[in-house]
Amino acid sequence: MILVYLIFGTLGIALFGLLVLRLWDERAEQAEWARLADLQPANPSLYDPMMVADLPEPARRFFNFAIAPGTPLLTVAEIDMGGQFSLGSRENPTYQQMDAKQILAAPSGFVWKLRLPGVIPVSGSDSGRWTRFRIFGLLPVARMGGDSDHTRSAFGRYIAEAFFWTPAALLPGPGVAWESVDDHTARATVSHLGLSQAVDVTVDGEGRPIEVHFMRWSDANPDKVHRLQPFGGKLSDFREVQGFRLPFNVEAGNMFGTDDYFAFFKAEVIAVRFPLPSHRFGSRDAR
């Protein structure tokens, strides 16, 4: 009987510890979300095509498609998305339906909160500071971050995603430099706090961004070694949101542009919002 009590006591302590860890993680997610939301410009400038008059022609085409004249240049977006996410490989993708919410505030960070309600449900979050996922809401299956490899890899992701959902964050200015690649492709290099990422955007005749691709610092390879390798995605289903024209269908994956390309991320956007900074309404509890 004592052994039974010890077993149940140990299980109870372990369960309590996992619950505390989950609550700690959720508090960190809320605090980071609030920090990024507060980076929204309180009095944004309005878009004028003259802002991009000196850029390479494909870049001008991109901005003039993505941002209507007179649009407030908000740089922080919240995105609700469904779609599919793969936990498998190119040969056996085993796509699962996903439910995700994201805040994107390039070049300062992002938080992506994911839920995969499959037979073995997966939930958690990815950010510029951590990757934390668990099954059944409690058992950790991925917990990493806080090192230079993770930071560099995450920076590449959210700079590239700015081309999807926050084009105003890529306008020329301190830390953002543009150059021409060819008649339909331009490259933006974004530098921030010692990090730098070059991303290429390919546009059609109207300036619609149809592909975004770059060399990402990643260990998603057979050797599990961090190195630069192709990453990218395709964009479609553009819709107007507060003066921006944004893709509501995005697929992306490793080894973009090669025979080994695998689109593990297929997002169908439900909504995009540009939140007001919270200091307009007083401080938030999660800050």
C-alpha atoms as a PDB file:
ATOM      1  CA  MET A   1       0.000   0.000   0.000  1.00  0.00           C
ATOM      2  CA  ILE A   2       2.845   2.391   0.800  1.00  0.00           C
ATOM      3  CA  LEU A   3       4.306   1.667  -2.652  1.00  0.00           C
ATOM      4  CA  VAL A   4       0.990   2.586  -4.256  1.00  0.00           C
ATOM      5  CA  TYR A   5       0.922   5.861  -2.326  1.00  0.00           C
ATOM      6  CA  LEU A   6       4.482   6.600  -3.408  1.00  0.00           C
ATOM      7  CA  ILE A   7       3.653   5.923  -7.063  1.00  0.00           C
ATOM      8  CA  PHE A   8       0.563   8.096  -7.033  1.00  0.00           C
ATOM      9  CA  GLY A   9       2.370  10.777  -5.066  1.00  0.00           C
ATOM     10  CA  THR A  10       5.213  10.838  -7.570  1.00  0.00           C
ATOM     11  CA  LEU A  11       2.783  10.991 -10.474  1.00  0.00           C
ATOM     12  CA  GLY A  12       0.908  13.811  -8.781  1.00  0.00           C
ATOM     13  CA  ILE A  13       4.076  15.820  -8.241  1.00  0.00           C
ATOM     14  CA  ALA A  14       5.135  15.243 -11.854  1.00  0.00           C
ATOM     15  CA  LEU A  15       1.722  16.294 -13.138  1.00  0.00           C
ATOM     16  CA  PHE A  16       1.777  19.402 -10.957  1.00  0.00           C
ATOM     17  CA  GLY A  17       5.255  20.269 -12.262  1.00  0.00           C
ATOM     18  CA  LEU A  18       4.114  19.924 -15.876  1.00  0.00           C
ATOM     19  CA  LEU A  19       1.086  22.103 -15.184  1.00  0.00           C
ATOM     20  CA  VAL A  20       3.263  24.795 -13.563  1.00  0.00           C
ATOM     21  CA  LEU A  21       5.623  24.657 -16.570  1.00  0.00           C
ATOM     22  CA  ARG A  22       2.713  25.095 -18.971  1.00  0.00           C
ATOM     23  CA  LEU A  23       1.365  28.077 -17.014  1.00  0.00           C
ATOM     24  CA  TRP A  24       4.862  29.587 -16.929  1.00  0.00           C
ATOM     25  CA  ASP A  25       5.130  29.194 -20.708  1.00  0.00           C
ATOM     26  CA  GLU A  26       1.711  30.724 -21.283  1.00  0.00           C
ATOM     27  CA  ARG A  27       2.648  33.720 -19.165  1.00  0.00           C
ATOM     28  CA  ALA A  28       5.835  34.170 -21.203  1.00  0.00           C
ATOM     29  CA  GLU A  29       3.791  33.972 -24.434  1.00  0.00           C
ATOM     30  CA  GLN A  30       1.376  36.634 -23.186  1.00  0.00           C
ATOM     31  CA  ALA A  31       4.205  38.926 -22.085  1.00  0.00           C
ATOM     32  CA  GLU A  32       6.050  38.614 -25.406  1.00  0.00           C
ATOM     33  CA  TRP A  33       2.811  39.132 -27.352  1.00  0.00           C
ATOM     34  CA  ALA A  34       2.122  42.323 -25.385  1.00  0.00           C
ATOM     35  CA  ARG A  35       5.692  43.561 -25.864  1.00  0.00           C
ATOM     36  CA  LEU A  36       5.462  43.153 -29.618  1.00  0.00           C
ATOM     37  CA  ALA A  37       1.977  44.692 -29.817  1.00  0.00           C
ATOM     38  CA  ASP A  38       3.360  47.798 -28.113  1.00  0.00           C
ATOM     39  CA  LEU A  39       5.798  48.277 -30.992  1.00  0.00           C
ATOM     40  CA  GLN A  40       2.957  49.363 -33.255  1.00  0.00           C
ATOM     41  CA  PRO A  41       3.564  52.991 -34.326  1.00  0.00           C
ATOM     42  CA  ALA A  42       1.187  55.251 -32.407  1.00  0.00           C
ATOM     43  CA  ASN A  43       1.161  57.923 -35.123  1.00  0.00           C
ATOM     44  CA  PRO A  44       2.193  56.153 -38.322  1.00  0.00           C
ATOM     45  CA  SER A  45       3.199  57.961 -41.490  1.00  0.00           C
ATOM     46  CA  LEU A  46       0.997  57.553 -44.553  1.00  0.00           C
ATOM     47  CA  TYR A  47       2.234  55.698 -47.607  1.00  0.00           C
ATOM     48  CA  ASP A  48       3.388  57.783 -50.527  1.00  0.00           C
ATOM     49  CA  PRO A  49       4.808  56.039 -53.633  1.00  0.00           C
ATOM     50  CA  MET A  50       7.617  58.629 -53.569  1.00  0.00           C
ATOM     51  CA  MET A  51       8.948  56.745 -50.515  1.00  0.00           C
ATOM     52  CA  VAL A  52      10.093  53.976 -52.857  1.00  0.00           C
ATOM     53  CA  ALA A  53      10.948  56.051 -55.936  1.00  0.00           C
ATOM     54  CA  ASP A  54      14.672  55.284 -55.636  1.00  0.00           C
ATOM     55  CA  LEU A  55      14.289  51.518 -55.170  1.00  0.00           C
ATOM     56  CA  PRO A  56      14.868  48.904 -57.898  1.00  0.00           C
ATOM     57  CA  GLU A  57      11.862  48.587 -60.190  1.00  0.00           C
ATOM     58  CA  PRO A  58      10.659  45.176 -58.857  1.00  0.00           C
ATOM     59  CA  ALA A  59      10.757  46.575 -55.306  1.00  0.00           C
ATOM     60  CA  ARG A  60       8.737  49.646 -56.353  1.00  0.00           C
ATOM     61  CA  ARG A  61       6.253  47.344 -58.034  1.00  0.00           C
ATOM     62  CA  PHE A  62       5.988  45.256 -54.843  1.00  0.00           C
ATOM     63  CA  PHE A  63       5.311  48.196 -52.531  1.00  0.00           C
ATOM     64  CA  ASN A  64       2.888  49.927 -54.864  1.00  0.00           C
ATOM     65  CA  PHE A  65       0.895  46.704 -55.151  1.00  0.00           C
ATOM     66  CA  ALA A  66       1.026  45.875 -51.422  1.00  0.00           C
ATOM     67  CA  ILE A  67       0.294  49.348 -49.987  1.00  0.00           C
ATOM     68  CA  ALA A  68      -2.305  51.808 -51.256  1.00  0.00           C
ATOM     69  CA  PRO A  69      -1.404  55.527 -51.227  1.00  0.00           C
ATOM     70  CA  GLY A  70      -2.452  57.150 -47.968  1.00  0.00           C
ATOM     71  CA  THR A  71      -2.363  53.902 -45.970  1.00  0.00           C
ATOM     72  CA  PRO A  72      -1.170  54.284 -42.349  1.00  0.00           C
ATOM     73  CA  LEU A  73       2.156  52.447 -42.199  1.00  0.00           C
ATOM     74  CA  LEU A  74       1.397  49.985 -39.426  1.00  0.00           C
ATOM     75  CA  THR A  75       4.163  47.439 -38.931  1.00  0.00           C
ATOM     76  CA  VAL A  76       2.697  44.994 -36.374  1.00  0.00           C
ATOM     77  CA  ALA A  77       0.071  42.462 -37.455  1.00  0.00           C
ATOM     78  CA  GLU A  78      -1.947  39.726 -35.803  1.00  0.00           C
ATOM     79  CA  ILE A  79      -2.823  36.792 -38.040  1.00  0.00           C
ATOM     80  CA  ASP A  80      -5.365  34.012 -37.492  1.00  0.00           C
ATOM     81  CA  MET A  81      -4.783  31.006 -39.702  1.00  0.00           C
ATOM     82  CA  GLY A  82      -5.909  27.492 -40.461  1.00  0.00           C
ATOM     83  CA  GLY A  83      -4.551  25.134 -43.076  1.00  0.00           C
ATOM     84  CA  GLN A  84      -2.152  22.212 -42.786  1.00  0.00           C
ATOM     85  CA  PHE A  85       1.134  21.567 -41.019  1.00  0.00           C
ATOM     86  CA  SER A  86       3.330  18.525 -41.548  1.00  0.00           C
ATOM     87  CA  LEU A  87       4.980  16.565 -38.761  1.00  0.00           C
ATOM     88  CA  GLY A  88       6.433  14.151 -41.288  1.00  0.00           C
ATOM     89  CA  SER A  89       8.786  14.163 -44.238  1.00  0.00           C
ATOM     90  CA  ARG A  90       8.633  14.915 -47.952  1.00  0.00           C
ATOM     91  CA  GLU A  91       8.066  11.210 -48.618  1.00  0.00           C
ATOM     92  CA  ASN A  92       5.453  10.831 -45.873  1.00  0.00           C
ATOM     93  CA  PRO A  93       4.147  14.303 -44.962  1.00  0.00           C
ATOM     94  CA  THR A  94       1.235  13.235 -42.719  1.00  0.00           C
ATOM     95  CA  TYR A  95      -0.311  16.701 -42.879  1.00  0.00           C
ATOM     96  CA  GLN A  96      -2.508  17.697 -39.964  1.00  0.00           C
ATOM     97  CA  GLN A  97      -5.127  20.406 -39.745  1.00  0.00           C
ATOM     98  CA  MET A  98      -3.787  23.360 -37.808  1.00  0.00           C
ATOM     99  CA  ASP A  99      -5.225  26.244 -35.862  1.00  0.00           C
ATOM    100  CA  ALA A 100      -2.738  29.052 -35.227  1.00  0.00           C
ATOM    101  CA  LYS A 101      -2.518  32.659 -34.122  1.00  0.00           C
ATOM    102  CA  GLN A 102       0.484  34.891 -34.676  1.00  0.00           C
ATOM    103  CA  ILE A 103       1.781  38.342 -33.913  1.00  0.00           C
ATOM    104  CA  LEU A 104       4.453  39.592 -36.313  1.00  0.00           C
ATOM    105  CA  ALA A 105       6.598  42.620 -35.498  1.00  0.00           C
ATOM    106  CA  ALA A 106       9.646  42.492 -37.773  1.00  0.00           C
ATOM    107  CA  PRO A 107      12.474  43.129 -37.127  1.00  0.00           C
ATOM    108  CA  SER A 108      11.846  42.794 -33.385  1.00  0.00           C
ATOM    109  CA  GLY A 109      10.163  39.393 -33.130  1.00  0.00           C
ATOM    110  CA  PHE A 110       7.093  37.220 -33.453  1.00  0.00           C
ATOM    111  CA  VAL A 111       5.003  34.696 -31.534  1.00  0.00           C
ATOM    112  CA  TRP A 112       3.249  31.841 -33.341  1.00  0.00           C
ATOM    113  CA  LYS A 113       0.801  29.850 -31.207  1.00  0.00           C
ATOM    114  CA  LEU A 114      -0.084  26.520 -32.791  1.00  0.00           C
ATOM    115  CA  ARG A 115      -2.631  23.819 -32.076  1.00  0.00           C
ATOM    116  CA  LEU A 116      -2.812  20.526 -34.007  1.00  0.00           C
ATOM    117  CA  PRO A 117      -5.992  18.772 -32.794  1.00  0.00           C
ATOM    118  CA  GLY A 118      -5.075  15.326 -34.112  1.00  0.00           C
ATOM    119  CA  VAL A 119      -5.245  11.885 -32.509  1.00  0.00           C
ATOM    120  CA  ILE A 120      -2.226  12.968 -30.462  1.00  0.00           C
ATOM    121  CA  PRO A 121      -2.885  16.703 -30.049  1.00  0.00           C
ATOM    122  CA  VAL A 122       0.106  19.046 -30.242  1.00  0.00           C
ATOM    123  CA  SER A 123       0.131  22.606 -28.955  1.00  0.00           C
ATOM    124  CA  GLY A 124       2.640  25.264 -28.049  1.00  0.00           C
ATOM    125  CA  SER A 125       4.425  28.245 -29.505  1.00  0.00           C
ATOM    126  CA  ASP A 126       7.373  29.364 -31.578  1.00  0.00           C
ATOM    127  CA  SER A 127       9.041  32.756 -31.262  1.00  0.00           C
ATOM    128  CA  GLY A 128      12.297  34.594 -31.719  1.00  0.00           C
ATOM    129  CA  ARG A 129      13.217  33.483 -28.200  1.00  0.00           C
ATOM    130  CA  TRP A 130      11.976  29.894 -27.917  1.00  0.00           C
ATOM    131  CA  THR A 131      10.321  26.853 -29.466  1.00  0.00           C
ATOM    132  CA  ARG A 132       8.030  25.030 -27.016  1.00  0.00           C
ATOM    133  CA  PHE A 133       5.583  22.320 -28.001  1.00  0.00           C
ATOM    134  CA  ARG A 134       3.819  19.628 -26.016  1.00  0.00           C
ATOM    135  CA  ILE A 135       1.399  16.771 -26.540  1.00  0.00           C
ATOM    136  CA  PHE A 136      -1.886  16.419 -24.663  1.00  0.00           C
ATOM    137  CA  GLY A 137      -1.326  19.970 -23.436  1.00  0.00           C
ATOM    138  CA  LEU A 138       1.301  18.923 -20.881  1.00  0.00           C
ATOM    139  CA  LEU A 139       4.083  16.585 -22.067  1.00  0.00           C
ATOM    140  CA  PRO A 140       6.989  18.530 -23.669  1.00  0.00           C
ATOM    141  CA  VAL A 141       8.114  17.164 -27.045  1.00  0.00           C
ATOM    142  CA  ALA A 142      10.182  20.184 -28.174  1.00  0.00           C
ATOM    143  CA  ARG A 143      11.794  22.740 -25.921  1.00  0.00           C
ATOM    144  CA  MET A 144      14.631  24.816 -27.263  1.00  0.00           C
ATOM    145  CA  GLY A 145      15.831  28.351 -27.765  1.00  0.00           C
ATOM    146  CA  GLY A 146      17.963  30.922 -26.038  1.00  0.00           C
ATOM    147  CA  ASP A 147      21.016  30.278 -28.241  1.00  0.00           C
ATOM    148  CA  SER A 148      22.490  31.976 -31.288  1.00  0.00           C
ATOM    149  CA  ASP A 149      21.413  29.227 -33.723  1.00  0.00           C
ATOM    150  CA  HIS A 150      17.763  29.499 -32.720  1.00  0.00           C
ATOM    151  CA  THR A 151      17.849  33.296 -32.756  1.00  0.00           C
ATOM    152  CA  ARG A 152      19.414  33.442 -36.223  1.00  0.00           C
ATOM    153  CA  SER A 153      17.016  30.877 -37.679  1.00  0.00           C
ATOM    154  CA  ALA A 154      13.954  32.589 -36.197  1.00  0.00           C
ATOM    155  CA  PHE A 155      15.121  35.994 -37.464  1.00  0.00           C
ATOM    156  CA  GLY A 156      15.175  34.649 -41.013  1.00  0.00           C
ATOM    157  CA  ARG A 157      11.639  33.361 -40.633  1.00  0.00           C
ATOM    158  CA  TYR A 158      10.008  36.523 -39.409  1.00  0.00           C
ATOM    159  CA  ILE A 159      11.873  38.829 -41.757  1.00  0.00           C
ATOM    160  CA  ALA A 160      10.612  36.696 -44.673  1.00  0.00           C
ATOM    161  CA  GLU A 161       7.083  36.736 -43.246  1.00  0.00           C
ATOM    162  CA  ALA A 162       7.131  40.534 -43.247  1.00  0.00           C
ATOM    163  CA  PHE A 163       6.875  40.255 -47.037  1.00  0.00           C
ATOM    164  CA  PHE A 164       3.620  38.354 -46.481  1.00  0.00           C
ATOM    165  CA  TRP A 165       1.823  40.379 -43.843  1.00  0.00           C
ATOM    166  CA  THR A 166       3.703  43.541 -42.787  1.00  0.00           C
ATOM    167  CA  PRO A 167       5.199  45.136 -45.923  1.00  0.00           C
ATOM    168  CA  ALA A 168       5.462  48.532 -44.211  1.00  0.00           C
ATOM    169  CA  ALA A 169       8.219  47.062 -42.017  1.00  0.00           C
ATOM    170  CA  LEU A 170      10.348  46.648 -45.156  1.00  0.00           C
ATOM    171  CA  LEU A 171      10.224  50.212 -46.458  1.00  0.00           C
ATOM    172  CA  PRO A 172      13.692  51.706 -47.026  1.00  0.00           C
ATOM    173  CA  GLY A 173      15.255  53.232 -43.943  1.00  0.00           C
ATOM    174  CA  PRO A 174      17.732  52.449 -41.172  1.00  0.00           C
ATOM    175  CA  GLY A 175      18.439  48.709 -41.177  1.00  0.00           C
ATOM    176  CA  VAL A 176      16.705  48.020 -44.510  1.00  0.00           C
ATOM    177  CA  ALA A 177      18.600  48.057 -47.824  1.00  0.00           C
ATOM    178  CA  TRP A 178      17.257  47.046 -51.244  1.00  0.00           C
ATOM    179  CA  GLU A 179      18.998  45.894 -54.402  1.00  0.00           C
ATOM    180  CA  SER A 180      17.966  44.485 -57.767  1.00  0.00           C
ATOM    181  CA  VAL A 181      18.365  40.791 -58.643  1.00  0.00           C
ATOM    182  CA  ASP A 182      16.640  40.692 -62.049  1.00  0.00           C
ATOM    183  CA  ASP A 183      13.662  42.216 -63.865  1.00  0.00           C
ATOM    184  CA  HIS A 184      11.148  40.567 -61.534  1.00  0.00           C
ATOM    185  CA  THR A 185      13.132  40.001 -58.326  1.00  0.00           C
ATOM    186  CA  ALA A 186      14.503  42.366 -55.689  1.00  0.00           C
ATOM    187  CA  ARG A 187      16.439  41.652 -52.511  1.00  0.00           C
ATOM    188  CA  ALA A 188      15.946  43.311 -49.150  1.00  0.00           C
ATOM    189  CA  THR A 189      18.615  42.962 -46.473  1.00  0.00           C
ATOM    190  CA  VAL A 190      17.345  43.664 -42.959  1.00  0.00           C
ATOM    191  CA  SER A 191      19.781  44.266 -40.108  1.00  0.00           C
ATOM    192  CA  HIS A 192      18.801  44.459 -36.446  1.00  0.00           C
ATOM    193  CA  LEU A 193      20.750  44.062 -33.195  1.00  0.00           C
ATOM    194  CA  GLY A 194      23.662  42.263 -34.818  1.00  0.00           C
ATOM    195  CA  LEU A 195      21.516  40.032 -37.030  1.00  0.00           C
ATOM    196  CA  SER A 196      21.227  40.332 -40.804  1.00  0.00           C
ATOM    197  CA  GLN A 197      18.990  38.540 -43.290  1.00  0.00           C
ATOM    198  CA  ALA A 198      18.731  38.928 -47.070  1.00  0.00           C
ATOM    199  CA  VAL A 199      15.402  37.906 -48.622  1.00  0.00           C
ATOM    200  CA  ASP A 200      14.429  37.836 -52.297  1.00  0.00           C
ATOM    201  CA  VAL A 201      10.902  38.641 -53.453  1.00  0.00           C
ATOM    202  CA  THR A 202       9.718  37.763 -56.953  1.00  0.00           C
ATOM    203  CA  VAL A 203       6.784  39.785 -58.272  1.00  0.00           C
ATOM    204  CA  ASP A 204       4.494  39.501 -61.276  1.00  0.00           C
ATOM    205  CA  GLY A 205       3.717  42.278 -63.750  1.00  0.00           C
ATOM    206  CA  GLU A 206       1.378  44.021 -61.297  1.00  0.00           C
ATOM    207  CA  GLY A 207       3.824  43.791 -58.385  1.00  0.00           C
ATOM    208  CA  ARG A 208       2.042  40.912 -56.689  1.00  0.00           C
ATOM    209  CA  PRO A 209       4.646  38.965 -54.628  1.00  0.00           C
ATOM    210  CA  ILE A 210       4.364  35.391 -55.875  1.00  0.00           C
ATOM    211  CA  GLU A 211       7.495  33.921 -54.279  1.00  0.00           C
ATOM    212  CA  VAL A 212       9.677  34.775 -51.311  1.00  0.00           C
ATOM    213  CA  HIS A 213      12.938  32.883 -50.901  1.00  0.00           C
ATOM    214  CA  PHE A 214      16.181  33.176 -48.945  1.00  0.00           C
ATOM    215  CA  MET A 215      19.055  31.244 -47.402  1.00  0.00           C
ATOM    216  CA  ARG A 216      17.990  30.282 -43.895  1.00  0.00           C
ATOM    217  CA  TRP A 217      20.176  29.198 -40.986  1.00  0.00           C
ATOM    218  CA  SER A 218      18.652  25.805 -40.230  1.00  0.00           C
ATOM    219  CA  ASP A 219      19.326  22.274 -38.997  1.00  0.00           C
ATOM    220  CA  ALA A 220      16.425  20.807 -40.992  1.00  0.00           C
ATOM    221  CA  ASN A 221      18.714  18.472 -42.899  1.00  0.00           C
ATOM    222  CA  PRO A 222      19.826  14.829 -42.614  1.00  0.00           C
ATOM    223  CA  ASP A 223      22.970  15.844 -40.702  1.00  0.00           C
ATOM    224  CA  LYS A 224      20.980  17.895 -38.148  1.00  0.00           C
ATOM    225  CA  VAL A 225      23.671  20.568 -38.394  1.00  0.00           C
ATOM    226  CA  HIS A 226      22.910  24.273 -38.578  1.00  0.00           C
ATOM    227  CA  ARG A 227      23.917  25.732 -41.937  1.00  0.00           C
ATOM    228  CA  LEU A 228      22.588  28.051 -44.613  1.00  0.00           C
ATOM    229  CA  GLN A 229      20.132  26.314 -46.924  1.00  0.00           C
ATOM    230  CA  PRO A 230      17.300  27.354 -49.262  1.00  0.00           C
ATOM    231  CA  PHE A 231      13.938  28.199 -47.734  1.00  0.00           C
ATOM    232  CA  GLY A 232      10.940  29.877 -49.280  1.00  0.00           C
ATOM    233  CA  GLY A 233       7.319  29.879 -50.206  1.00  0.00           C
ATOM    234  CA  LYS A 234       4.558  30.795 -52.625  1.00  0.00           C
ATOM    235  CA  LEU A 235       1.853  33.395 -52.027  1.00  0.00           C
ATOM    236  CA  SER A 236      -1.670  33.689 -53.459  1.00  0.00           C
ATOM    237  CA  ASP A 237      -5.256  34.789 -52.737  1.00  0.00           C
ATOM    238  CA  PHE A 238      -4.492  38.453 -52.075  1.00  0.00           C
ATOM    239  CA  ARG A 239      -7.068  40.495 -50.173  1.00  0.00           C
ATOM    240  CA  GLU A 240      -7.298  44.066 -48.951  1.00  0.00           C
ATOM    241  CA  VAL A 241      -6.787  44.717 -45.230  1.00  0.00           C
ATOM    242  CA  GLN A 242      -6.697  48.329 -43.997  1.00  0.00           C
ATOM    243  CA  GLY A 243      -5.058  49.584 -47.176  1.00  0.00           C
ATOM    244  CA  PHE A 244      -2.674  46.636 -47.554  1.00  0.00           C
ATOM    245  CA  ARG A 245      -3.003  43.822 -50.093  1.00  0.00           C
ATOM    246  CA  LEU A 246      -1.910  40.656 -48.326  1.00  0.00           C
ATOM    247  CA  PRO A 247      -1.766  36.942 -49.221  1.00  0.00           C
ATOM    248  CA  PHE A 248      -4.346  34.740 -47.534  1.00  0.00           C
ATOM    249  CA  ASN A 249      -2.800  31.546 -48.893  1.00  0.00           C
ATOM    250  CA  VAL A 250       0.838  30.760 -48.113  1.00  0.00           C
ATOM    251  CA  GLU A 251       2.878  27.601 -48.517  1.00  0.00           C
ATOM    252  CA  ALA A 252       6.488  27.377 -47.404  1.00  0.00           C
ATOM    253  CA  GLY A 253       9.206  24.889 -46.713  1.00  0.00           C
ATOM    254  CA  ASN A 254      12.816  23.821 -46.729  1.00  0.00           C
ATOM    255  CA  MET A 255      15.034  23.466 -49.804  1.00  0.00           C
ATOM    256  CA  PHE A 256      12.834  25.831 -51.839  1.00  0.00           C
ATOM    257  CA  GLY A 257      13.764  25.895 -55.504  1.00  0.00           C
ATOM    258  CA  THR A 258      15.414  22.464 -55.447  1.00  0.00           C
ATOM    259  CA  ASP A 259      14.214  18.922 -56.126  1.00  0.00           C
ATOM    260  CA  ASP A 260      14.126  18.382 -52.354  1.00  0.00           C
ATOM    261  CA  TYR A 261      11.612  21.162 -51.671  1.00  0.00           C
ATOM    262  CA  PHE A 262       9.049  20.157 -49.055  1.00  0.00           C
ATOM    263  CA  ALA A 263       6.159  22.493 -48.239  1.00  0.00           C
ATOM    264  CA  PHE A 264       5.509  21.504 -44.614  1.00  0.00           C
ATOM    265  CA  PHE A 265       3.520  24.704 -43.946  1.00  0.00           C
ATOM    266  CA  LYS A 266       0.296  25.398 -45.866  1.00  0.00           C
ATOM    267  CA  ALA A 267      -1.562  28.284 -44.292  1.00  0.00           C
ATOM    268  CA  GLU A 268      -5.046  29.505 -45.070  1.00  0.00           C
ATOM    269  CA  VAL A 269      -5.388  32.890 -43.400  1.00  0.00           C
ATOM    270  CA  ILE A 270      -8.675  33.606 -41.660  1.00  0.00           C
ATOM    271  CA  ALA A 271      -8.038  37.196 -40.598  1.00  0.00           C
ATOM    272  CA  VAL A 272      -5.311  39.832 -40.358  1.00  0.00           C
ATOM    273  CA  ARG A 273      -5.471  42.728 -37.896  1.00  0.00           C
ATOM    274  CA  PHE A 274      -3.178  45.651 -37.100  1.00  0.00           C
ATOM    275  CA  PRO A 275      -3.616  46.164 -33.336  1.00  0.00           C
ATOM    276  CA  LEU A 276      -3.336  49.513 -31.626  1.00  0.00           C
ATOM    277  CA  PRO A 277      -0.453  49.798 -29.125  1.00  0.00           C
ATOM    278  CA  SER A 278      -1.670  48.894 -25.663  1.00  0.00           C
ATOM    279  CA  HIS A 279      -0.263  52.030 -24.015  1.00  0.00           C
ATOM    280  CA  ARG A 280      -3.169  53.924 -25.572  1.00  0.00           C
ATOM    281  CA  PHE A 281      -5.410  52.112 -23.126  1.00  0.00           C
ATOM    282  CA  GLY A 282      -3.107  51.713 -20.134  1.00  0.00           C
ATOM    283  CA  SER A 283      -0.782  48.846 -19.227  1.00  0.00           C
ATOM    284  CA  ARG A 284      -1.582  45.197 -19.751  1.00  0.00           C
ATOM    285  CA  ASP A 285      -1.523  42.558 -17.055  1.00  0.00           C
ATOM    286  CA  ALA A 286       0.779  40.361 -19.145  1.00  0.00           C
ATOM    287  CA  ARG A 287       3.453  43.042 -19.508  1.00  0.00           C
END
